[in-house]
Amino acid sequence: MTTNPELFPKCRGEAKAHSVVVPAGSTVTFSFKNVAPGRYAIALLHDENNNGKADRALMMMPKEGYGFSRDAKVRMGPPKFSAAAFDVTAEDQSQTIRMRYML
């Protein structure tokens, strides 16, 4: 989860970025605590082979599950930050992110 459009969707390399690793399941819930108010976007990866990266098939489509906040669509590459971004305020919030898989 990042506030930096330049780092989305990898969300790495920013001190303010938030990340979490959770075991896979049919429904996975995770929480970020003490998130400063701002505009954020979330990218999820189901790293099925645990190699720390998104593996790709022909035409660069992800071979592993992926999802983005606001259910941002993938068209010729990952969505832009603006398509996945949402505002975090001082109030508790939730995002439901649907994972997509190539069959």
C-alpha atoms as a PDB file:
ATOM      1  CA  MET A   1       0.000   0.000   0.000  1.00  0.00           C
ATOM      2  CA  THR A   2       1.532   3.286  -1.055  1.00  0.00           C
ATOM      3  CA  THR A   3       0.777   6.980  -1.420  1.00  0.00           C
ATOM      4  CA  ASN A   4       3.380   7.347  -4.167  1.00  0.00           C
ATOM      5  CA  PRO A   5       2.022   7.013  -7.737  1.00  0.00           C
ATOM      6  CA  GLU A   6       5.587   6.486  -9.028  1.00  0.00           C
ATOM      7  CA  LEU A   7       6.009   3.305  -6.933  1.00  0.00           C
ATOM      8  CA  PHE A   8       2.611   1.741  -7.653  1.00  0.00           C
ATOM      9  CA  PRO A   9       1.931  -1.171  -8.116  1.00  0.00           C
ATOM     10  CA  LYS A  10       5.145  -2.628  -6.644  1.00  0.00           C
ATOM     11  CA  CYS A  11       4.828  -0.384  -3.568  1.00  0.00           C
ATOM     12  CA  ARG A  12       8.495  -0.902  -2.665  1.00  0.00           C
ATOM     13  CA  GLY A  13      11.159   1.608  -1.740  1.00  0.00           C
ATOM     14  CA  GLU A  14       9.048   4.082   0.197  1.00  0.00           C
ATOM     15  CA  ALA A  15       9.460   4.515   3.950  1.00  0.00           C
ATOM     16  CA  LYS A  16       5.731   5.287   4.295  1.00  0.00           C
ATOM     17  CA  ALA A  17       4.596   2.217   2.325  1.00  0.00           C
ATOM     18  CA  HIS A  18       2.753  -0.470   4.261  1.00  0.00           C
ATOM     19  CA  SER A  19       3.022  -4.173   3.506  1.00  0.00           C
ATOM     20  CA  VAL A  20       1.870  -7.413   5.042  1.00  0.00           C
ATOM     21  CA  VAL A  21       2.347 -11.095   4.257  1.00  0.00           C
ATOM     22  CA  VAL A  22      -0.539 -13.401   5.094  1.00  0.00           C
ATOM     23  CA  PRO A  23      -1.180 -17.108   4.471  1.00  0.00           C
ATOM     24  CA  ALA A  24      -3.422 -17.782   1.461  1.00  0.00           C
ATOM     25  CA  GLY A  25      -6.990 -18.924   1.962  1.00  0.00           C
ATOM     26  CA  SER A  26     -10.402 -18.586   0.390  1.00  0.00           C
ATOM     27  CA  THR A  27     -10.946 -15.353   2.336  1.00  0.00           C
ATOM     28  CA  VAL A  28      -8.028 -13.416   3.753  1.00  0.00           C
ATOM     29  CA  THR A  29      -8.388 -10.406   6.017  1.00  0.00           C
ATOM     30  CA  PHE A  30      -5.566  -8.126   7.027  1.00  0.00           C
ATOM     31  CA  SER A  31      -5.298  -4.788   8.805  1.00  0.00           C
ATOM     32  CA  PHE A  32      -2.960  -1.840   8.597  1.00  0.00           C
ATOM     33  CA  LYS A  33      -2.597   0.073  11.864  1.00  0.00           C
ATOM     34  CA  ASN A  34      -1.603   3.719  12.377  1.00  0.00           C
ATOM     35  CA  VAL A  35      -1.954   4.691   8.716  1.00  0.00           C
ATOM     36  CA  ALA A  36      -1.589   8.432   8.227  1.00  0.00           C
ATOM     37  CA  PRO A  37      -4.444  10.123   6.375  1.00  0.00           C
ATOM     38  CA  GLY A  38      -3.779  10.471   2.656  1.00  0.00           C
ATOM     39  CA  ARG A  39      -4.485   9.009  -0.777  1.00  0.00           C
ATOM     40  CA  TYR A  40      -3.396   5.362  -1.057  1.00  0.00           C
ATOM     41  CA  ALA A  41      -3.576   2.494  -3.539  1.00  0.00           C
ATOM     42  CA  ILE A  42      -3.248  -1.214  -2.742  1.00  0.00           C
ATOM     43  CA  ALA A  43      -1.751  -3.929  -4.944  1.00  0.00           C
ATOM     44  CA  LEU A  44      -2.069  -7.594  -3.930  1.00  0.00           C
ATOM     45  CA  LEU A  45      -0.105 -10.574  -5.228  1.00  0.00           C
ATOM     46  CA  HIS A  46      -0.720 -14.235  -4.482  1.00  0.00           C
ATOM     47  CA  ASP A  47       2.917 -15.298  -4.748  1.00  0.00           C
ATOM     48  CA  GLU A  48       2.084 -18.961  -5.290  1.00  0.00           C
ATOM     49  CA  ASN A  49       5.684 -20.150  -5.602  1.00  0.00           C
ATOM     50  CA  ASN A  50       7.023 -17.793  -2.908  1.00  0.00           C
ATOM     51  CA  ASN A  51       9.750 -16.295  -5.114  1.00  0.00           C
ATOM     52  CA  GLY A  52       8.982 -12.683  -4.142  1.00  0.00           C
ATOM     53  CA  LYS A  53       7.849 -11.515  -7.569  1.00  0.00           C
ATOM     54  CA  ALA A  54       4.909 -11.613  -9.969  1.00  0.00           C
ATOM     55  CA  ASP A  55       5.567 -14.368 -12.502  1.00  0.00           C
ATOM     56  CA  ARG A  56       4.306 -13.650 -15.997  1.00  0.00           C
ATOM     57  CA  ALA A  57       2.981 -15.758 -18.870  1.00  0.00           C
ATOM     58  CA  LEU A  58       2.838 -14.969 -22.577  1.00  0.00           C
ATOM     59  CA  MET A  59       1.906 -11.386 -23.367  1.00  0.00           C
ATOM     60  CA  MET A  60       3.033 -10.373 -19.869  1.00  0.00           C
ATOM     61  CA  MET A  61      -0.182 -11.459 -18.116  1.00  0.00           C
ATOM     62  CA  PRO A  62       0.377 -12.476 -14.481  1.00  0.00           C
ATOM     63  CA  LYS A  63       0.502 -16.243 -13.923  1.00  0.00           C
ATOM     64  CA  GLU A  64      -0.312 -15.724 -10.236  1.00  0.00           C
ATOM     65  CA  GLY A  65      -3.304 -14.126  -8.580  1.00  0.00           C
ATOM     66  CA  TYR A  66      -3.441 -10.346  -8.329  1.00  0.00           C
ATOM     67  CA  GLY A  67      -5.837  -7.619  -7.249  1.00  0.00           C
ATOM     68  CA  PHE A  68      -6.006  -3.869  -6.746  1.00  0.00           C
ATOM     69  CA  SER A  69      -7.946  -1.512  -4.528  1.00  0.00           C
ATOM     70  CA  ARG A  70     -11.173  -0.149  -6.007  1.00  0.00           C
ATOM     71  CA  ASP A  71     -11.140  -3.293  -8.201  1.00  0.00           C
ATOM     72  CA  ALA A  72      -8.987  -1.350 -10.696  1.00  0.00           C
ATOM     73  CA  LYS A  73      -8.875  -3.161 -14.022  1.00  0.00           C
ATOM     74  CA  VAL A  74      -5.774  -4.452 -15.795  1.00  0.00           C
ATOM     75  CA  ARG A  75      -5.545  -3.307 -19.409  1.00  0.00           C
ATOM     76  CA  MET A  76      -2.243  -3.759 -21.230  1.00  0.00           C
ATOM     77  CA  GLY A  77      -0.394  -3.595 -17.906  1.00  0.00           C
ATOM     78  CA  PRO A  78      -1.217  -2.792 -14.304  1.00  0.00           C
ATOM     79  CA  PRO A  79      -3.667  -0.001 -13.521  1.00  0.00           C
ATOM     80  CA  LYS A  80      -2.458   3.492 -12.846  1.00  0.00           C
ATOM     81  CA  PHE A  81      -2.341   4.748  -9.261  1.00  0.00           C
ATOM     82  CA  SER A  82      -5.307   7.035  -9.939  1.00  0.00           C
ATOM     83  CA  ALA A  83      -7.524   4.065 -10.890  1.00  0.00           C
ATOM     84  CA  ALA A  84      -6.807   2.233  -7.619  1.00  0.00           C
ATOM     85  CA  ALA A  85      -6.418   5.208  -5.247  1.00  0.00           C
ATOM     86  CA  PHE A  86      -8.755   5.913  -2.336  1.00  0.00           C
ATOM     87  CA  ASP A  87      -8.663   8.392   0.527  1.00  0.00           C
ATOM     88  CA  VAL A  88      -7.736   7.296   4.048  1.00  0.00           C
ATOM     89  CA  THR A  89      -9.131   9.439   6.826  1.00  0.00           C
ATOM     90  CA  ALA A  90      -8.957   9.115  10.597  1.00  0.00           C
ATOM     91  CA  GLU A  91     -12.007   6.814  10.489  1.00  0.00           C
ATOM     92  CA  ASP A  92     -11.714   3.027  10.145  1.00  0.00           C
ATOM     93  CA  GLN A  93     -12.139   1.939   6.544  1.00  0.00           C
ATOM     94  CA  SER A  94     -12.211  -1.271   4.607  1.00  0.00           C
ATOM     95  CA  GLN A  95     -11.478  -2.335   1.043  1.00  0.00           C
ATOM     96  CA  THR A  96     -12.711  -5.541  -0.550  1.00  0.00           C
ATOM     97  CA  ILE A  97     -10.289  -6.651  -3.225  1.00  0.00           C
ATOM     98  CA  ARG A  98     -11.172  -9.427  -5.631  1.00  0.00           C
ATOM     99  CA  MET A  99      -8.250 -11.577  -6.683  1.00  0.00           C
ATOM    100  CA  ARG A 100      -7.992 -12.435 -10.377  1.00  0.00           C
ATOM    101  CA  TYR A 101      -6.370 -15.587 -11.754  1.00  0.00           C
ATOM    102  CA  MET A 102      -5.458 -16.753 -15.230  1.00  0.00           C
ATOM    103  CA  LEU A 103      -6.994 -20.124 -15.917  1.00  0.00           C
END
